[in-house]
């Protein structure tokens, strides 16, 4: 079984570690293999990578089989983007007190409406 991932152009990327191709003697049924390598971008721009080519032979068939990996999404290499805000603290500052009051009221109503285990046990004893 072999894997070949040669869609990384040398004018855009340097291989820092690993190889873009790899071979394995065999893969057992249900087994998993992984392969990784590290690249360093040389220039900025969009990159559209092709899927890796996997070549293998099934023991019951003489011909080589070929498959393709899942293609990667387009990469905006070295893009200059403003950092993304994960959480807006102003929202919490503006509505935090209302949210906490509503949460306490809902919890109180839940505790009142939900029967406790002891009262459910008493009710079952009364029915006997």
C-alpha atoms as a PDB file:
ATOM      1  CA  UNK A   1       0.000   0.000   0.000  1.00  0.00           C
ATOM      2  CA  UNK A   2       1.371   3.433  -0.827  1.00  0.00           C
ATOM      3  CA  UNK A   3       0.309   7.050  -0.424  1.00  0.00           C
ATOM      4  CA  UNK A   4       1.456   9.918  -2.632  1.00  0.00           C
ATOM      5  CA  UNK A   5       0.563  13.517  -1.782  1.00  0.00           C
ATOM      6  CA  UNK A   6       2.551  15.617  -4.260  1.00  0.00           C
ATOM      7  CA  UNK A   7       0.112  18.515  -4.672  1.00  0.00           C
ATOM      8  CA  UNK A   8       2.266  20.903  -2.593  1.00  0.00           C
ATOM      9  CA  UNK A   9       4.200  23.102  -5.069  1.00  0.00           C
ATOM     10  CA  UNK A  10       7.823  23.782  -4.156  1.00  0.00           C
ATOM     11  CA  UNK A  11       7.509  27.458  -5.055  1.00  0.00           C
ATOM     12  CA  UNK A  12       4.837  27.887  -2.305  1.00  0.00           C
ATOM     13  CA  UNK A  13       5.934  25.396   0.382  1.00  0.00           C
ATOM     14  CA  UNK A  14       9.066  23.938   1.955  1.00  0.00           C
ATOM     15  CA  UNK A  15       8.924  20.503   3.561  1.00  0.00           C
ATOM     16  CA  UNK A  16      10.104  21.003   7.146  1.00  0.00           C
ATOM     17  CA  UNK A  17       9.817  17.384   8.264  1.00  0.00           C
ATOM     18  CA  UNK A  18       8.517  14.107   6.903  1.00  0.00           C
ATOM     19  CA  UNK A  19       7.823  13.021   3.327  1.00  0.00           C
ATOM     20  CA  UNK A  20       4.858  13.552   1.043  1.00  0.00           C
ATOM     21  CA  UNK A  21       4.866   9.860   0.159  1.00  0.00           C
ATOM     22  CA  UNK A  22       4.852   6.711   2.257  1.00  0.00           C
ATOM     23  CA  UNK A  23       4.538   2.953   1.783  1.00  0.00           C
ATOM     24  CA  UNK A  24       3.274   0.228   4.096  1.00  0.00           C
ATOM     25  CA  UNK A  25       3.685  -3.515   3.715  1.00  0.00           C
ATOM     26  CA  UNK A  26       0.106  -4.348   4.704  1.00  0.00           C
ATOM     27  CA  UNK A  27      -3.035  -3.080   6.399  1.00  0.00           C
ATOM     28  CA  UNK A  28      -5.178  -5.546   8.315  1.00  0.00           C
ATOM     29  CA  UNK A  29      -8.957  -5.512   7.893  1.00  0.00           C
ATOM     30  CA  UNK A  30     -10.418  -2.707  10.010  1.00  0.00           C
ATOM     31  CA  UNK A  31      -6.946  -1.305  10.711  1.00  0.00           C
ATOM     32  CA  UNK A  32      -5.948   2.356  10.579  1.00  0.00           C
ATOM     33  CA  UNK A  33      -2.816   4.035   9.311  1.00  0.00           C
ATOM     34  CA  UNK A  34      -1.785   7.654   9.598  1.00  0.00           C
ATOM     35  CA  UNK A  35       0.799   9.781   7.879  1.00  0.00           C
ATOM     36  CA  UNK A  36       1.889  13.347   8.527  1.00  0.00           C
ATOM     37  CA  UNK A  37       4.433  15.855   7.349  1.00  0.00           C
ATOM     38  CA  UNK A  38       5.126  19.500   8.142  1.00  0.00           C
ATOM     39  CA  UNK A  39       5.196  22.286   5.586  1.00  0.00           C
ATOM     40  CA  UNK A  40       6.286  25.903   5.774  1.00  0.00           C
ATOM     41  CA  UNK A  41       4.660  28.481   3.501  1.00  0.00           C
ATOM     42  CA  UNK A  42       6.954  30.616   1.355  1.00  0.00           C
ATOM     43  CA  UNK A  43       4.445  33.122   0.015  1.00  0.00           C
ATOM     44  CA  UNK A  44       0.967  34.437   0.589  1.00  0.00           C
ATOM     45  CA  UNK A  45      -2.063  33.444  -1.502  1.00  0.00           C
ATOM     46  CA  UNK A  46      -4.862  30.970  -2.018  1.00  0.00           C
ATOM     47  CA  UNK A  47      -3.944  27.312  -2.354  1.00  0.00           C
ATOM     48  CA  UNK A  48      -6.213  24.632  -3.760  1.00  0.00           C
ATOM     49  CA  UNK A  49      -4.744  21.216  -2.978  1.00  0.00           C
ATOM     50  CA  UNK A  50      -5.502  17.993  -4.802  1.00  0.00           C
ATOM     51  CA  UNK A  51      -6.356  14.818  -2.886  1.00  0.00           C
ATOM     52  CA  UNK A  52      -3.599  12.347  -2.099  1.00  0.00           C
ATOM     53  CA  UNK A  53      -3.447   9.182  -4.223  1.00  0.00           C
ATOM     54  CA  UNK A  54      -3.606   5.868  -2.376  1.00  0.00           C
ATOM     55  CA  UNK A  55      -2.530   2.745  -4.289  1.00  0.00           C
ATOM     56  CA  UNK A  56      -3.237  -0.691  -2.838  1.00  0.00           C
ATOM     57  CA  UNK A  57      -3.724  -4.319  -3.787  1.00  0.00           C
ATOM     58  CA  UNK A  58      -6.530  -6.504  -2.479  1.00  0.00           C
ATOM     59  CA  UNK A  59      -5.171 -10.024  -1.858  1.00  0.00           C
ATOM     60  CA  UNK A  60      -7.950 -11.684  -3.892  1.00  0.00           C
ATOM     61  CA  UNK A  61      -7.349  -9.449  -6.940  1.00  0.00           C
ATOM     62  CA  UNK A  62      -4.194  -9.164  -9.030  1.00  0.00           C
ATOM     63  CA  UNK A  63      -4.719  -5.576 -10.246  1.00  0.00           C
ATOM     64  CA  UNK A  64      -3.627  -2.529  -8.260  1.00  0.00           C
ATOM     65  CA  UNK A  65      -6.481  -0.426  -6.914  1.00  0.00           C
ATOM     66  CA  UNK A  66      -6.354   3.372  -6.683  1.00  0.00           C
ATOM     67  CA  UNK A  67      -8.282   5.636  -4.306  1.00  0.00           C
ATOM     68  CA  UNK A  68      -8.171   9.312  -3.343  1.00  0.00           C
ATOM     69  CA  UNK A  69      -8.144  10.971   0.045  1.00  0.00           C
ATOM     70  CA  UNK A  70     -10.665  13.565   1.073  1.00  0.00           C
ATOM     71  CA  UNK A  71      -9.604  16.862  -0.544  1.00  0.00           C
ATOM     72  CA  UNK A  72      -8.676  19.715   1.755  1.00  0.00           C
ATOM     73  CA  UNK A  73     -10.609  22.959   1.681  1.00  0.00           C
ATOM     74  CA  UNK A  74      -8.951  25.930  -0.047  1.00  0.00           C
ATOM     75  CA  UNK A  75      -6.256  27.420   2.170  1.00  0.00           C
ATOM     76  CA  UNK A  76      -5.684  31.157   2.424  1.00  0.00           C
ATOM     77  CA  UNK A  77      -1.967  30.867   3.153  1.00  0.00           C
ATOM     78  CA  UNK A  78      -0.471  33.589   5.367  1.00  0.00           C
ATOM     79  CA  UNK A  79      -3.707  35.579   5.205  1.00  0.00           C
ATOM     80  CA  UNK A  80      -3.823  38.849   7.090  1.00  0.00           C
ATOM     81  CA  UNK A  81      -7.093  38.669   9.000  1.00  0.00           C
ATOM     82  CA  UNK A  82      -8.153  40.518  12.107  1.00  0.00           C
ATOM     83  CA  UNK A  83      -8.456  38.207  15.116  1.00  0.00           C
ATOM     84  CA  UNK A  84     -11.902  36.704  15.571  1.00  0.00           C
ATOM     85  CA  UNK A  85     -13.797  37.573  18.738  1.00  0.00           C
ATOM     86  CA  UNK A  86     -14.857  34.389  20.499  1.00  0.00           C
ATOM     87  CA  UNK A  87     -17.119  35.968  23.126  1.00  0.00           C
ATOM     88  CA  UNK A  88     -18.553  39.456  23.392  1.00  0.00           C
ATOM     89  CA  UNK A  89     -18.162  40.572  26.999  1.00  0.00           C
ATOM     90  CA  UNK A  90     -20.340  43.643  26.391  1.00  0.00           C
ATOM     91  CA  UNK A  91     -23.337  41.343  25.939  1.00  0.00           C
ATOM     92  CA  UNK A  92     -22.726  39.822  29.361  1.00  0.00           C
ATOM     93  CA  UNK A  93     -22.250  43.258  30.918  1.00  0.00           C
ATOM     94  CA  UNK A  94     -25.507  44.552  29.409  1.00  0.00           C
ATOM     95  CA  UNK A  95     -27.761  41.559  30.035  1.00  0.00           C
ATOM     96  CA  UNK A  96     -25.999  39.564  32.758  1.00  0.00           C
ATOM     97  CA  UNK A  97     -28.237  40.724  35.624  1.00  0.00           C
ATOM     98  CA  UNK A  98     -31.444  39.951  33.675  1.00  0.00           C
ATOM     99  CA  UNK A  99     -30.138  36.504  32.740  1.00  0.00           C
ATOM    100  CA  UNK A 100     -29.251  35.681  36.349  1.00  0.00           C
ATOM    101  CA  UNK A 101     -32.685  36.809  37.661  1.00  0.00           C
ATOM    102  CA  UNK A 102     -34.511  34.784  35.009  1.00  0.00           C
ATOM    103  CA  UNK A 103     -32.342  31.750  35.778  1.00  0.00           C
ATOM    104  CA  UNK A 104     -33.118  31.956  39.508  1.00  0.00           C
ATOM    105  CA  UNK A 105     -36.877  32.298  38.841  1.00  0.00           C
ATOM    106  CA  UNK A 106     -36.879  29.330  36.439  1.00  0.00           C
ATOM    107  CA  UNK A 107     -34.927  27.201  38.934  1.00  0.00           C
ATOM    108  CA  UNK A 108     -37.361  28.130  41.737  1.00  0.00           C
ATOM    109  CA  UNK A 109     -40.397  27.234  39.603  1.00  0.00           C
ATOM    110  CA  UNK A 110     -38.748  23.935  38.591  1.00  0.00           C
ATOM    111  CA  UNK A 111     -38.134  23.022  42.255  1.00  0.00           C
ATOM    112  CA  UNK A 112     -41.738  23.819  43.194  1.00  0.00           C
ATOM    113  CA  UNK A 113     -43.337  21.973  40.268  1.00  0.00           C
ATOM    114  CA  UNK A 114     -41.124  18.868  40.337  1.00  0.00           C
ATOM    115  CA  UNK A 115     -42.301  16.379  42.987  1.00  0.00           C
ATOM    116  CA  UNK A 116     -39.664  15.108  45.368  1.00  0.00           C
ATOM    117  CA  UNK A 117     -38.907  11.390  45.729  1.00  0.00           C
ATOM    118  CA  UNK A 118     -40.199  11.261  49.313  1.00  0.00           C
ATOM    119  CA  UNK A 119     -43.609  12.702  48.384  1.00  0.00           C
ATOM    120  CA  UNK A 120     -43.868  10.264  45.467  1.00  0.00           C
ATOM    121  CA  UNK A 121     -43.113   7.387  47.869  1.00  0.00           C
ATOM    122  CA  UNK A 122     -45.791   8.646  50.303  1.00  0.00           C
ATOM    123  CA  UNK A 123     -48.357   8.833  47.524  1.00  0.00           C
ATOM    124  CA  UNK A 124     -47.660   5.250  46.457  1.00  0.00           C
ATOM    125  CA  UNK A 125     -48.028   4.063  50.083  1.00  0.00           C
ATOM    126  CA  UNK A 126     -51.394   5.842  50.425  1.00  0.00           C
ATOM    127  CA  UNK A 127     -52.734   4.051  47.344  1.00  0.00           C
ATOM    128  CA  UNK A 128     -52.013   0.614  48.883  1.00  0.00           C
END
